Amino acid sequence: MTKTDKEKALEIAGLMEDGKGRDVTVLDVSELNSWTDFFVIVTISSGPHWQGLARTIKEYAGNNGLEIHKVDKKSPQGDDWNLIDLGTIVVHLMSDDARGFYELEKLWHAAEKLR
């Protein structure tokens, strides 16, 4: 049976928790924009931590038919906010400070919170 993108987003969230990511949130933003369907938002503790989680995401993507469109550092320092664009799923790996500053959950408050 083929997994839905929603199931994949929730599986990625579980992998992020397994990798010690904190405050893992999944938002369904499919009704709010045209460029992605799900955000997975994860708090990370350090640069090496995000790199380990990024490897996990890349491995999952390769095993589940997801293409990595872009890996981008969204903050000048480089380790505060890293985005992995899987097309229908965008994973945000953010430090405590970046997560508190950008408040994606508040910005996308109209999205359905799945986790």
PDB file of N, CA and C in Angstrom:
ATOM      1  N   MET A   1       0.838  -1.170   0.000  1.00  0.00           N
ATOM      2  CA  MET A   1       0.000   0.000   0.000  1.00  0.00           C
ATOM      3  C   MET A   1       0.894   1.248   0.000  1.00  0.00           C
ATOM      4  N   THR A   2       0.546   2.208  -0.827  1.00  0.00           N
ATOM      5  CA  THR A   2       1.306   3.445  -0.931  1.00  0.00           C
ATOM      6  C   THR A   2       0.940   4.390   0.209  1.00  0.00           C
ATOM      7  N   LYS A   3       1.955   4.988   0.803  1.00  0.00           N
ATOM      8  CA  LYS A   3       1.730   5.933   1.886  1.00  0.00           C
ATOM      9  C   LYS A   3       1.292   7.279   1.328  1.00  0.00           C
ATOM     10  N   THR A   4       0.402   7.950   2.043  1.00  0.00           N
ATOM     11  CA  THR A   4       0.014   9.302   1.673  1.00  0.00           C
ATOM     12  C   THR A   4       1.096  10.271   2.158  1.00  0.00           C
ATOM     13  N   ASP A   5       1.067  11.479   1.613  1.00  0.00           N
ATOM     14  CA  ASP A   5       2.019  12.491   2.066  1.00  0.00           C
ATOM     15  C   ASP A   5       1.805  12.816   3.540  1.00  0.00           C
ATOM     16  N   LYS A   6       0.574  12.773   3.984  1.00  0.00           N
ATOM     17  CA  LYS A   6       0.277  13.014   5.404  1.00  0.00           C
ATOM     18  C   LYS A   6       0.949  11.941   6.256  1.00  0.00           C
ATOM     19  N   GLU A   7       0.837  10.680   5.855  1.00  0.00           N
ATOM     20  CA  GLU A   7       1.472   9.594   6.598  1.00  0.00           C
ATOM     21  C   GLU A   7       2.991   9.769   6.605  1.00  0.00           C
ATOM     22  N   LYS A   8       3.550  10.177   5.468  1.00  0.00           N
ATOM     23  CA  LYS A   8       4.998  10.401   5.396  1.00  0.00           C
ATOM     24  C   LYS A   8       5.418  11.538   6.314  1.00  0.00           C
ATOM     25  N   ALA A   9       4.655  12.628   6.340  1.00  0.00           N
ATOM     26  CA  ALA A   9       4.982  13.758   7.227  1.00  0.00           C
ATOM     27  C   ALA A   9       4.969  13.310   8.685  1.00  0.00           C
ATOM     28  N   LEU A  10       3.979  12.511   9.051  1.00  0.00           N
ATOM     29  CA  LEU A  10       3.896  12.024  10.430  1.00  0.00           C
ATOM     30  C   LEU A  10       5.025  11.039  10.740  1.00  0.00           C
ATOM     31  N   GLU A  11       5.431  10.236   9.768  1.00  0.00           N
ATOM     32  CA  GLU A  11       6.559   9.326   9.977  1.00  0.00           C
ATOM     33  C   GLU A  11       7.858  10.119  10.160  1.00  0.00           C
ATOM     34  N   ILE A  12       8.045  11.161   9.355  1.00  0.00           N
ATOM     35  CA  ILE A  12       9.229  12.011   9.509  1.00  0.00           C
ATOM     36  C   ILE A  12       9.239  12.626  10.903  1.00  0.00           C
ATOM     37  N   ALA A  13       8.076  13.077  11.363  1.00  0.00           N
ATOM     38  CA  ALA A  13       7.975  13.643  12.710  1.00  0.00           C
ATOM     39  C   ALA A  13       8.419  12.616  13.751  1.00  0.00           C
ATOM     40  N   GLY A  14       7.996  11.384  13.598  1.00  0.00           N
ATOM     41  CA  GLY A  14       8.402  10.329  14.526  1.00  0.00           C
ATOM     42  C   GLY A  14       9.898  10.092  14.498  1.00  0.00           C
ATOM     43  N   LEU A  15      10.481  10.121  13.314  1.00  0.00           N
ATOM     44  CA  LEU A  15      11.932   9.959  13.194  1.00  0.00           C
ATOM     45  C   LEU A  15      12.675  11.114  13.859  1.00  0.00           C
ATOM     46  N   MET A  16      12.106  12.309  13.762  1.00  0.00           N
ATOM     47  CA  MET A  16      12.736  13.477  14.392  1.00  0.00           C
ATOM     48  C   MET A  16      12.709  13.335  15.919  1.00  0.00           C
ATOM     49  N   GLU A  17      11.625  12.828  16.449  1.00  0.00           N
ATOM     50  CA  GLU A  17      11.567  12.573  17.890  1.00  0.00           C
ATOM     51  C   GLU A  17      12.550  11.485  18.291  1.00  0.00           C
ATOM     52  N   ASP A  18      12.628  10.426  17.483  1.00  0.00           N
ATOM     53  CA  ASP A  18      13.587   9.352  17.760  1.00  0.00           C
ATOM     54  C   ASP A  18      15.015   9.892  17.776  1.00  0.00           C
ATOM     55  N   GLY A  19      15.277  10.918  16.958  1.00  0.00           N
ATOM     56  CA  GLY A  19      16.603  11.532  16.886  1.00  0.00           C
ATOM     57  C   GLY A  19      16.808  12.654  17.888  1.00  0.00           C
ATOM     58  N   LYS A  20      15.945  12.722  18.889  1.00  0.00           N
ATOM     59  CA  LYS A  20      16.033  13.696  19.986  1.00  0.00           C
ATOM     60  C   LYS A  20      15.653  15.123  19.572  1.00  0.00           C
ATOM     61  N   GLY A  21      14.933  15.265  18.440  1.00  0.00           N
ATOM     62  CA  GLY A  21      14.355  16.563  18.122  1.00  0.00           C
ATOM     63  C   GLY A  21      13.255  16.855  19.127  1.00  0.00           C
ATOM     64  N   ARG A  22      13.083  18.125  19.492  1.00  0.00           N
ATOM     65  CA  ARG A  22      12.101  18.486  20.513  1.00  0.00           C
ATOM     66  C   ARG A  22      10.940  19.260  19.907  1.00  0.00           C
ATOM     67  N   ASP A  23       9.831  19.235  20.621  1.00  0.00           N
ATOM     68  CA  ASP A  23       8.635  20.001  20.243  1.00  0.00           C
ATOM     69  C   ASP A  23       8.273  19.797  18.767  1.00  0.00           C
ATOM     70  N   VAL A  24       8.239  18.561  18.349  1.00  0.00           N
ATOM     71  CA  VAL A  24       7.969  18.251  16.944  1.00  0.00           C
ATOM     72  C   VAL A  24       6.488  18.527  16.645  1.00  0.00           C
ATOM     73  N   THR A  25       6.270  19.321  15.609  1.00  0.00           N
ATOM     74  CA  THR A  25       4.925  19.726  15.213  1.00  0.00           C
ATOM     75  C   THR A  25       4.742  19.442  13.726  1.00  0.00           C
ATOM     76  N   VAL A  26       3.558  18.971  13.360  1.00  0.00           N
ATOM     77  CA  VAL A  26       3.212  18.786  11.949  1.00  0.00           C
ATOM     78  C   VAL A  26       1.984  19.645  11.661  1.00  0.00           C
ATOM     79  N   LEU A  27       2.109  20.519  10.668  1.00  0.00           N
ATOM     80  CA  LEU A  27       1.005  21.373  10.253  1.00  0.00           C
ATOM     81  C   LEU A  27       0.573  21.015   8.844  1.00  0.00           C
ATOM     82  N   ASP A  28      -0.735  20.909   8.636  1.00  0.00           N
ATOM     83  CA  ASP A  28      -1.295  20.727   7.297  1.00  0.00           C
ATOM     84  C   ASP A  28      -1.566  22.121   6.735  1.00  0.00           C
ATOM     85  N   VAL A  29      -0.723  22.555   5.813  1.00  0.00           N
ATOM     86  CA  VAL A  29      -0.847  23.891   5.217  1.00  0.00           C
ATOM     87  C   VAL A  29      -1.380  23.823   3.784  1.00  0.00           C
ATOM     88  N   SER A  30      -1.917  22.680   3.409  1.00  0.00           N
ATOM     89  CA  SER A  30      -2.329  22.454   2.019  1.00  0.00           C
ATOM     90  C   SER A  30      -3.414  23.408   1.539  1.00  0.00           C
ATOM     91  N   GLU A  31      -4.263  23.863   2.440  1.00  0.00           N
ATOM     92  CA  GLU A  31      -5.333  24.783   2.054  1.00  0.00           C
ATOM     93  C   GLU A  31      -4.888  26.240   2.095  1.00  0.00           C
ATOM     94  N   LEU A  32      -3.670  26.487   2.542  1.00  0.00           N
ATOM     95  CA  LEU A  32      -3.214  27.861   2.770  1.00  0.00           C
ATOM     96  C   LEU A  32      -2.186  28.359   1.769  1.00  0.00           C
ATOM     97  N   ASN A  33      -1.631  27.473   0.958  1.00  0.00           N
ATOM     98  CA  ASN A  33      -0.652  27.879  -0.047  1.00  0.00           C
ATOM     99  C   ASN A  33      -0.633  26.878  -1.192  1.00  0.00           C
ATOM    100  N   SER A  34       0.124  27.187  -2.228  1.00  0.00           N
ATOM    101  CA  SER A  34       0.152  26.317  -3.401  1.00  0.00           C
ATOM    102  C   SER A  34       1.473  25.580  -3.567  1.00  0.00           C
ATOM    103  N   TRP A  35       2.425  25.774  -2.667  1.00  0.00           N
ATOM    104  CA  TRP A  35       3.754  25.218  -2.885  1.00  0.00           C
ATOM    105  C   TRP A  35       4.136  24.044  -1.995  1.00  0.00           C
ATOM    106  N   THR A  36       3.365  23.741  -0.973  1.00  0.00           N
ATOM    107  CA  THR A  36       3.610  22.550  -0.157  1.00  0.00           C
ATOM    108  C   THR A  36       2.347  22.205   0.612  1.00  0.00           C
ATOM    109  N   ASP A  37       2.310  21.011   1.160  1.00  0.00           N
ATOM    110  CA  ASP A  37       1.131  20.564   1.899  1.00  0.00           C
ATOM    111  C   ASP A  37       1.355  20.443   3.402  1.00  0.00           C
ATOM    112  N   PHE A  38       2.580  20.106   3.817  1.00  0.00           N
ATOM    113  CA  PHE A  38       2.840  19.859   5.233  1.00  0.00           C
ATOM    114  C   PHE A  38       4.143  20.507   5.676  1.00  0.00           C
ATOM    115  N   PHE A  39       4.127  21.071   6.870  1.00  0.00           N
ATOM    116  CA  PHE A  39       5.333  21.525   7.554  1.00  0.00           C
ATOM    117  C   PHE A  39       5.594  20.571   8.704  1.00  0.00           C
ATOM    118  N   VAL A  40       6.829  20.146   8.834  1.00  0.00           N
ATOM    119  CA  VAL A  40       7.286  19.440  10.028  1.00  0.00           C
ATOM    120  C   VAL A  40       8.280  20.396  10.679  1.00  0.00           C
ATOM    121  N   ILE A  41       7.986  20.824  11.897  1.00  0.00           N
ATOM    122  CA  ILE A  41       8.811  21.812  12.593  1.00  0.00           C
ATOM    123  C   ILE A  41       9.440  21.129  13.806  1.00  0.00           C
ATOM    124  N   VAL A  42      10.765  21.259  13.911  1.00  0.00           N
ATOM    125  CA  VAL A  42      11.524  20.532  14.933  1.00  0.00           C
ATOM    126  C   VAL A  42      12.518  21.476  15.599  1.00  0.00           C
ATOM    127  N   THR A  43      12.614  21.424  16.914  1.00  0.00           N
ATOM    128  CA  THR A  43      13.637  22.171  17.636  1.00  0.00           C
ATOM    129  C   THR A  43      14.879  21.298  17.769  1.00  0.00           C
ATOM    130  N   ILE A  44      16.019  21.874  17.384  1.00  0.00           N
ATOM    131  CA  ILE A  44      17.298  21.169  17.430  1.00  0.00           C
ATOM    132  C   ILE A  44      18.189  21.794  18.499  1.00  0.00           C
ATOM    133  N   SER A  45      19.235  21.088  18.880  1.00  0.00           N
ATOM    134  CA  SER A  45      20.107  21.583  19.949  1.00  0.00           C
ATOM    135  C   SER A  45      21.434  22.148  19.459  1.00  0.00           C
ATOM    136  N   SER A  46      21.860  21.797  18.231  1.00  0.00           N
ATOM    137  CA  SER A  46      23.178  22.237  17.750  1.00  0.00           C
ATOM    138  C   SER A  46      23.309  21.975  16.261  1.00  0.00           C
ATOM    139  N   GLY A  47      24.409  22.476  15.681  1.00  0.00           N
ATOM    140  CA  GLY A  47      24.706  22.204  14.277  1.00  0.00           C
ATOM    141  C   GLY A  47      24.877  20.722  13.988  1.00  0.00           C
ATOM    142  N   PRO A  48      25.672  20.020  14.779  1.00  0.00           N
ATOM    143  CA  PRO A  48      25.803  18.579  14.550  1.00  0.00           C
ATOM    144  C   PRO A  48      24.466  17.838  14.688  1.00  0.00           C
ATOM    145  N   HIS A  49      23.616  18.313  15.590  1.00  0.00           N
ATOM    146  CA  HIS A  49      22.305  17.690  15.766  1.00  0.00           C
ATOM    147  C   HIS A  49      21.482  17.844  14.491  1.00  0.00           C
ATOM    148  N   TRP A  50      21.431  19.059  13.925  1.00  0.00           N
ATOM    149  CA  TRP A  50      20.652  19.234  12.688  1.00  0.00           C
ATOM    150  C   TRP A  50      21.242  18.402  11.569  1.00  0.00           C
ATOM    151  N   GLN A  51      22.565  18.281  11.506  1.00  0.00           N
ATOM    152  CA  GLN A  51      23.182  17.482  10.446  1.00  0.00           C
ATOM    153  C   GLN A  51      22.780  16.012  10.556  1.00  0.00           C
ATOM    154  N   GLY A  52      22.718  15.507  11.779  1.00  0.00           N
ATOM    155  CA  GLY A  52      22.283  14.121  11.979  1.00  0.00           C
ATOM    156  C   GLY A  52      20.832  13.927  11.584  1.00  0.00           C
ATOM    157  N   LEU A  53      19.975  14.868  11.975  1.00  0.00           N
ATOM    158  CA  LEU A  53      18.561  14.776  11.588  1.00  0.00           C
ATOM    159  C   LEU A  53      18.399  14.923  10.084  1.00  0.00           C
ATOM    160  N   ALA A  54      19.197  15.792   9.470  1.00  0.00           N
ATOM    161  CA  ALA A  54      19.133  15.961   8.010  1.00  0.00           C
ATOM    162  C   ALA A  54      19.497  14.660   7.301  1.00  0.00           C
ATOM    163  N   ARG A  55      20.494  13.954   7.806  1.00  0.00           N
ATOM    164  CA  ARG A  55      20.854  12.649   7.223  1.00  0.00           C
ATOM    165  C   ARG A  55      19.689  11.666   7.322  1.00  0.00           C
ATOM    166  N   THR A  56      19.023  11.678   8.464  1.00  0.00           N
ATOM    167  CA  THR A  56      17.860  10.803   8.663  1.00  0.00           C
ATOM    168  C   THR A  56      16.766  11.141   7.658  1.00  0.00           C
ATOM    169  N   ILE A  57      16.512  12.423   7.452  1.00  0.00           N
ATOM    170  CA  ILE A  57      15.480  12.854   6.496  1.00  0.00           C
ATOM    171  C   ILE A  57      15.867  12.437   5.085  1.00  0.00           C
ATOM    172  N   LYS A  58      17.116  12.627   4.714  1.00  0.00           N
ATOM    173  CA  LYS A  58      17.575  12.257   3.364  1.00  0.00           C
ATOM    174  C   LYS A  58      17.432  10.754   3.134  1.00  0.00           C
ATOM    175  N   GLU A  59      17.775   9.972   4.143  1.00  0.00           N
ATOM    176  CA  GLU A  59      17.638   8.514   4.033  1.00  0.00           C
ATOM    177  C   GLU A  59      16.165   8.134   3.888  1.00  0.00           C
ATOM    178  N   TYR A  60      15.309   8.742   4.708  1.00  0.00           N
ATOM    179  CA  TYR A  60      13.879   8.471   4.632  1.00  0.00           C
ATOM    180  C   TYR A  60      13.340   8.854   3.256  1.00  0.00           C
ATOM    181  N   ALA A  61      13.740  10.009   2.761  1.00  0.00           N
ATOM    182  CA  ALA A  61      13.273  10.472   1.451  1.00  0.00           C
ATOM    183  C   ALA A  61      13.640   9.465   0.359  1.00  0.00           C
ATOM    184  N   GLY A  62      14.879   9.018   0.379  1.00  0.00           N
ATOM    185  CA  GLY A  62      15.331   8.058  -0.621  1.00  0.00           C
ATOM    186  C   GLY A  62      14.585   6.740  -0.574  1.00  0.00           C
ATOM    187  N   ASN A  63      14.183   6.325   0.608  1.00  0.00           N
ATOM    188  CA  ASN A  63      13.480   5.054   0.779  1.00  0.00           C
ATOM    189  C   ASN A  63      11.978   5.157   0.573  1.00  0.00           C
ATOM    190  N   ASN A  64      11.460   6.389   0.443  1.00  0.00           N
ATOM    191  CA  ASN A  64      10.007   6.570   0.385  1.00  0.00           C
ATOM    192  C   ASN A  64       9.542   7.430  -0.788  1.00  0.00           C
ATOM    193  N   GLY A  65      10.362   7.517  -1.811  1.00  0.00           N
ATOM    194  CA  GLY A  65       9.939   8.178  -3.034  1.00  0.00           C
ATOM    195  C   GLY A  65       9.780   9.682  -2.941  1.00  0.00           C
ATOM    196  N   LEU A  66      10.484  10.315  -2.010  1.00  0.00           N
ATOM    197  CA  LEU A  66      10.444  11.775  -1.899  1.00  0.00           C
ATOM    198  C   LEU A  66      11.724  12.351  -2.489  1.00  0.00           C
ATOM    199  N   GLU A  67      11.580  13.388  -3.275  1.00  0.00           N
ATOM    200  CA  GLU A  67      12.729  14.055  -3.875  1.00  0.00           C
ATOM    201  C   GLU A  67      13.111  15.264  -3.020  1.00  0.00           C
ATOM    202  N   ILE A  68      14.396  15.410  -2.781  1.00  0.00           N
ATOM    203  CA  ILE A  68      14.859  16.590  -2.048  1.00  0.00           C
ATOM    204  C   ILE A  68      15.058  17.705  -3.064  1.00  0.00           C
ATOM    205  N   HIS A  69      14.218  18.733  -2.959  1.00  0.00           N
ATOM    206  CA  HIS A  69      14.281  19.854  -3.885  1.00  0.00           C
ATOM    207  C   HIS A  69      15.314  20.881  -3.455  1.00  0.00           C
ATOM    208  N   LYS A  70      15.461  21.058  -2.150  1.00  0.00           N
ATOM    209  CA  LYS A  70      16.380  22.075  -1.669  1.00  0.00           C
ATOM    210  C   LYS A  70      16.674  21.858  -0.192  1.00  0.00           C
ATOM    211  N   VAL A  71      17.912  22.108   0.177  1.00  0.00           N
ATOM    212  CA  VAL A  71      18.311  22.192   1.577  1.00  0.00           C
ATOM    213  C   VAL A  71      18.871  23.596   1.731  1.00  0.00           C
ATOM    214  N   ASP A  72      18.298  24.364   2.645  1.00  0.00           N
ATOM    215  CA  ASP A  72      18.638  25.780   2.718  1.00  0.00           C
ATOM    216  C   ASP A  72      18.835  26.215   4.165  1.00  0.00           C
ATOM    217  N   LYS A  73      19.839  27.038   4.376  1.00  0.00           N
ATOM    218  CA  LYS A  73      20.054  27.660   5.680  1.00  0.00           C
ATOM    219  C   LYS A  73      19.343  29.004   5.651  1.00  0.00           C
ATOM    220  N   LYS A  74      18.359  29.160   6.534  1.00  0.00           N
ATOM    221  CA  LYS A  74      17.524  30.353   6.515  1.00  0.00           C
ATOM    222  C   LYS A  74      18.016  31.444   7.446  1.00  0.00           C
ATOM    223  N   SER A  75      19.101  31.203   8.159  1.00  0.00           N
ATOM    224  CA  SER A  75      19.620  32.212   9.081  1.00  0.00           C
ATOM    225  C   SER A  75      21.072  32.506   8.734  1.00  0.00           C
ATOM    226  N   PRO A  76      21.520  33.722   8.981  1.00  0.00           N
ATOM    227  CA  PRO A  76      22.899  34.088   8.644  1.00  0.00           C
ATOM    228  C   PRO A  76      23.948  33.218   9.329  1.00  0.00           C
ATOM    229  N   GLN A  77      23.698  32.807  10.571  1.00  0.00           N
ATOM    230  CA  GLN A  77      24.664  31.989  11.300  1.00  0.00           C
ATOM    231  C   GLN A  77      24.724  30.565  10.739  1.00  0.00           C
ATOM    232  N   GLY A  78      23.672  30.139  10.077  1.00  0.00           N
ATOM    233  CA  GLY A  78      23.681  28.847   9.428  1.00  0.00           C
ATOM    234  C   GLY A  78      23.096  27.693  10.207  1.00  0.00           C
ATOM    235  N   ASP A  79      23.158  27.731  11.525  1.00  0.00           N
ATOM    236  CA  ASP A  79      22.671  26.595  12.292  1.00  0.00           C
ATOM    237  C   ASP A  79      21.347  26.854  12.987  1.00  0.00           C
ATOM    238  N   ASP A  80      20.834  28.078  12.912  1.00  0.00           N
ATOM    239  CA  ASP A  80      19.607  28.416  13.627  1.00  0.00           C
ATOM    240  C   ASP A  80      18.344  27.890  12.960  1.00  0.00           C
ATOM    241  N   TRP A  81      18.311  27.903  11.627  1.00  0.00           N
ATOM    242  CA  TRP A  81      17.105  27.476  10.911  1.00  0.00           C
ATOM    243  C   TRP A  81      17.530  26.858   9.596  1.00  0.00           C
ATOM    244  N   ASN A  82      17.306  25.579   9.480  1.00  0.00           N
ATOM    245  CA  ASN A  82      17.614  24.842   8.261  1.00  0.00           C
ATOM    246  C   ASN A  82      16.340  24.231   7.721  1.00  0.00           C
ATOM    247  N   LEU A  83      16.145  24.385   6.432  1.00  0.00           N
ATOM    248  CA  LEU A  83      14.923  23.954   5.777  1.00  0.00           C
ATOM    249  C   LEU A  83      15.268  22.853   4.780  1.00  0.00           C
ATOM    250  N   ILE A  84      14.496  21.783   4.801  1.00  0.00           N
ATOM    251  CA  ILE A  84      14.652  20.708   3.815  1.00  0.00           C
ATOM    252  C   ILE A  84      13.331  20.594   3.073  1.00  0.00           C
ATOM    253  N   ASP A  85      13.362  20.930   1.785  1.00  0.00           N
ATOM    254  CA  ASP A  85      12.171  20.955   0.938  1.00  0.00           C
ATOM    255  C   ASP A  85      12.047  19.618   0.218  1.00  0.00           C
ATOM    256  N   LEU A  86      11.010  18.866   0.584  1.00  0.00           N
ATOM    257  CA  LEU A  86      10.737  17.568  -0.034  1.00  0.00           C
ATOM    258  C   LEU A  86       9.523  17.668  -0.972  1.00  0.00           C
ATOM    259  N   GLY A  87       9.214  18.870  -1.427  1.00  0.00           N
ATOM    260  CA  GLY A  87       8.066  19.064  -2.300  1.00  0.00           C
ATOM    261  C   GLY A  87       6.796  19.245  -1.496  1.00  0.00           C
ATOM    262  N   THR A  88       6.085  18.176  -1.273  1.00  0.00           N
ATOM    263  CA  THR A  88       4.823  18.257  -0.526  1.00  0.00           C
ATOM    264  C   THR A  88       5.028  18.363   0.977  1.00  0.00           C
ATOM    265  N   ILE A  89       6.253  18.131   1.425  1.00  0.00           N
ATOM    266  CA  ILE A  89       6.602  18.225   2.850  1.00  0.00           C
ATOM    267  C   ILE A  89       7.832  19.120   2.980  1.00  0.00           C
ATOM    268  N   VAL A  90       7.762  20.106   3.864  1.00  0.00           N
ATOM    269  CA  VAL A  90       8.920  20.947   4.156  1.00  0.00           C
ATOM    270  C   VAL A  90       9.254  20.773   5.632  1.00  0.00           C
ATOM    271  N   VAL A  91      10.501  20.390   5.902  1.00  0.00           N
ATOM    272  CA  VAL A  91      10.960  20.175   7.271  1.00  0.00           C
ATOM    273  C   VAL A  91      11.781  21.387   7.700  1.00  0.00           C
ATOM    274  N   HIS A  92      11.412  21.964   8.840  1.00  0.00           N
ATOM    275  CA  HIS A  92      12.105  23.102   9.418  1.00  0.00           C
ATOM    276  C   HIS A  92      12.840  22.622  10.665  1.00  0.00           C
ATOM    277  N   LEU A  93      14.164  22.661  10.644  1.00  0.00           N
ATOM    278  CA  LEU A  93      14.986  22.297  11.791  1.00  0.00           C
ATOM    279  C   LEU A  93      15.499  23.595  12.388  1.00  0.00           C
ATOM    280  N   MET A  94      15.015  23.940  13.585  1.00  0.00           N
ATOM    281  CA  MET A  94      15.243  25.267  14.142  1.00  0.00           C
ATOM    282  C   MET A  94      15.792  25.204  15.564  1.00  0.00           C
ATOM    283  N   SER A  95      16.692  26.146  15.877  1.00  0.00           N
ATOM    284  CA  SER A  95      17.161  26.284  17.258  1.00  0.00           C
ATOM    285  C   SER A  95      16.017  26.838  18.109  1.00  0.00           C
ATOM    286  N   ASP A  96      16.185  26.765  19.424  1.00  0.00           N
ATOM    287  CA  ASP A  96      15.196  27.355  20.336  1.00  0.00           C
ATOM    288  C   ASP A  96      14.984  28.835  20.019  1.00  0.00           C
ATOM    289  N   ASP A  97      16.090  29.559  19.839  1.00  0.00           N
ATOM    290  CA  ASP A  97      15.993  31.000  19.578  1.00  0.00           C
ATOM    291  C   ASP A  97      15.251  31.290  18.272  1.00  0.00           C
ATOM    292  N   ALA A  98      15.597  30.578  17.212  1.00  0.00           N
ATOM    293  CA  ALA A  98      14.942  30.812  15.920  1.00  0.00           C
ATOM    294  C   ALA A  98      13.463  30.439  15.985  1.00  0.00           C
ATOM    295  N   ARG A  99      13.175  29.352  16.647  1.00  0.00           N
ATOM    296  CA  ARG A  99      11.779  28.932  16.739  1.00  0.00           C
ATOM    297  C   ARG A  99      10.951  29.943  17.521  1.00  0.00           C
ATOM    298  N   GLY A 100      11.517  30.478  18.584  1.00  0.00           N
ATOM    299  CA  GLY A 100      10.830  31.492  19.364  1.00  0.00           C
ATOM    300  C   GLY A 100      10.683  32.796  18.607  1.00  0.00           C
ATOM    301  N   PHE A 101      11.683  33.152  17.814  1.00  0.00           N
ATOM    302  CA  PHE A 101      11.648  34.409  17.075  1.00  0.00           C
ATOM    303  C   PHE A 101      10.666  34.364  15.901  1.00  0.00           C
ATOM    304  N   TYR A 102      10.724  33.293  15.098  1.00  0.00           N
ATOM    305  CA  TYR A 102       9.900  33.224  13.881  1.00  0.00           C
ATOM    306  C   TYR A 102       8.481  32.734  14.139  1.00  0.00           C
ATOM    307  N   GLU A 103       8.285  31.958  15.192  1.00  0.00           N
ATOM    308  CA  GLU A 103       6.965  31.489  15.598  1.00  0.00           C
ATOM    309  C   GLU A 103       6.116  30.999  14.410  1.00  0.00           C
ATOM    310  N   LEU A 104       6.619  30.004  13.706  1.00  0.00           N
ATOM    311  CA  LEU A 104       5.913  29.490  12.523  1.00  0.00           C
ATOM    312  C   LEU A 104       4.505  29.013  12.848  1.00  0.00           C
ATOM    313  N   GLU A 105       4.323  28.415  14.019  1.00  0.00           N
ATOM    314  CA  GLU A 105       2.983  27.937  14.378  1.00  0.00           C
ATOM    315  C   GLU A 105       1.990  29.097  14.472  1.00  0.00           C
ATOM    316  N   LYS A 106       2.445  30.242  14.967  1.00  0.00           N
ATOM    317  CA  LYS A 106       1.563  31.409  15.032  1.00  0.00           C
ATOM    318  C   LYS A 106       1.352  32.008  13.648  1.00  0.00           C
ATOM    319  N   LEU A 107       2.423  32.063  12.852  1.00  0.00           N
ATOM    320  CA  LEU A 107       2.320  32.598  11.503  1.00  0.00           C
ATOM    321  C   LEU A 107       1.328  31.785  10.659  1.00  0.00           C
ATOM    322  N   TRP A 108       1.363  30.477  10.835  1.00  0.00           N
ATOM    323  CA  TRP A 108       0.485  29.572  10.094  1.00  0.00           C
ATOM    324  C   TRP A 108      -0.644  29.073  11.004  1.00  0.00           C
ATOM    325  N   HIS A 109      -1.181  29.942  11.824  1.00  0.00           N
ATOM    326  CA  HIS A 109      -2.186  29.584  12.826  1.00  0.00           C
ATOM    327  C   HIS A 109      -3.450  28.968  12.229  1.00  0.00           C
ATOM    328  N   ALA A 110      -3.743  29.261  10.975  1.00  0.00           N
ATOM    329  CA  ALA A 110      -4.947  28.711  10.346  1.00  0.00           C
ATOM    330  C   ALA A 110      -4.745  27.258   9.889  1.00  0.00           C
ATOM    331  N   ALA A 111      -3.514  26.766   9.939  1.00  0.00           N
ATOM    332  CA  ALA A 111      -3.235  25.390   9.517  1.00  0.00           C
ATOM    333  C   ALA A 111      -3.756  24.403  10.559  1.00  0.00           C
ATOM    334  N   GLU A 112      -4.132  23.233  10.077  1.00  0.00           N
ATOM    335  CA  GLU A 112      -4.549  22.171  10.984  1.00  0.00           C
ATOM    336  C   GLU A 112      -3.296  21.550  11.601  1.00  0.00           C
ATOM    337  N   LYS A 113      -3.272  21.492  12.933  1.00  0.00           N
ATOM    338  CA  LYS A 113      -2.141  20.874  13.634  1.00  0.00           C
ATOM    339  C   LYS A 113      -2.427  19.377  13.745  1.00  0.00           C
ATOM    340  N   LEU A 114      -1.572  18.582  13.117  1.00  0.00           N
ATOM    341  CA  LEU A 114      -1.740  17.125  13.114  1.00  0.00           C
ATOM    342  C   LEU A 114      -0.984  16.473  14.256  1.00  0.00           C
ATOM    343  N   ARG A 115      -0.003  17.175  14.778  1.00  0.00           N
ATOM    344  CA  ARG A 115       0.834  16.633  15.860  1.00  0.00           C
ATOM    345  C   ARG A 115       1.484  17.767  16.610  1.00  0.00           C
TER     346      ARG A 115
END
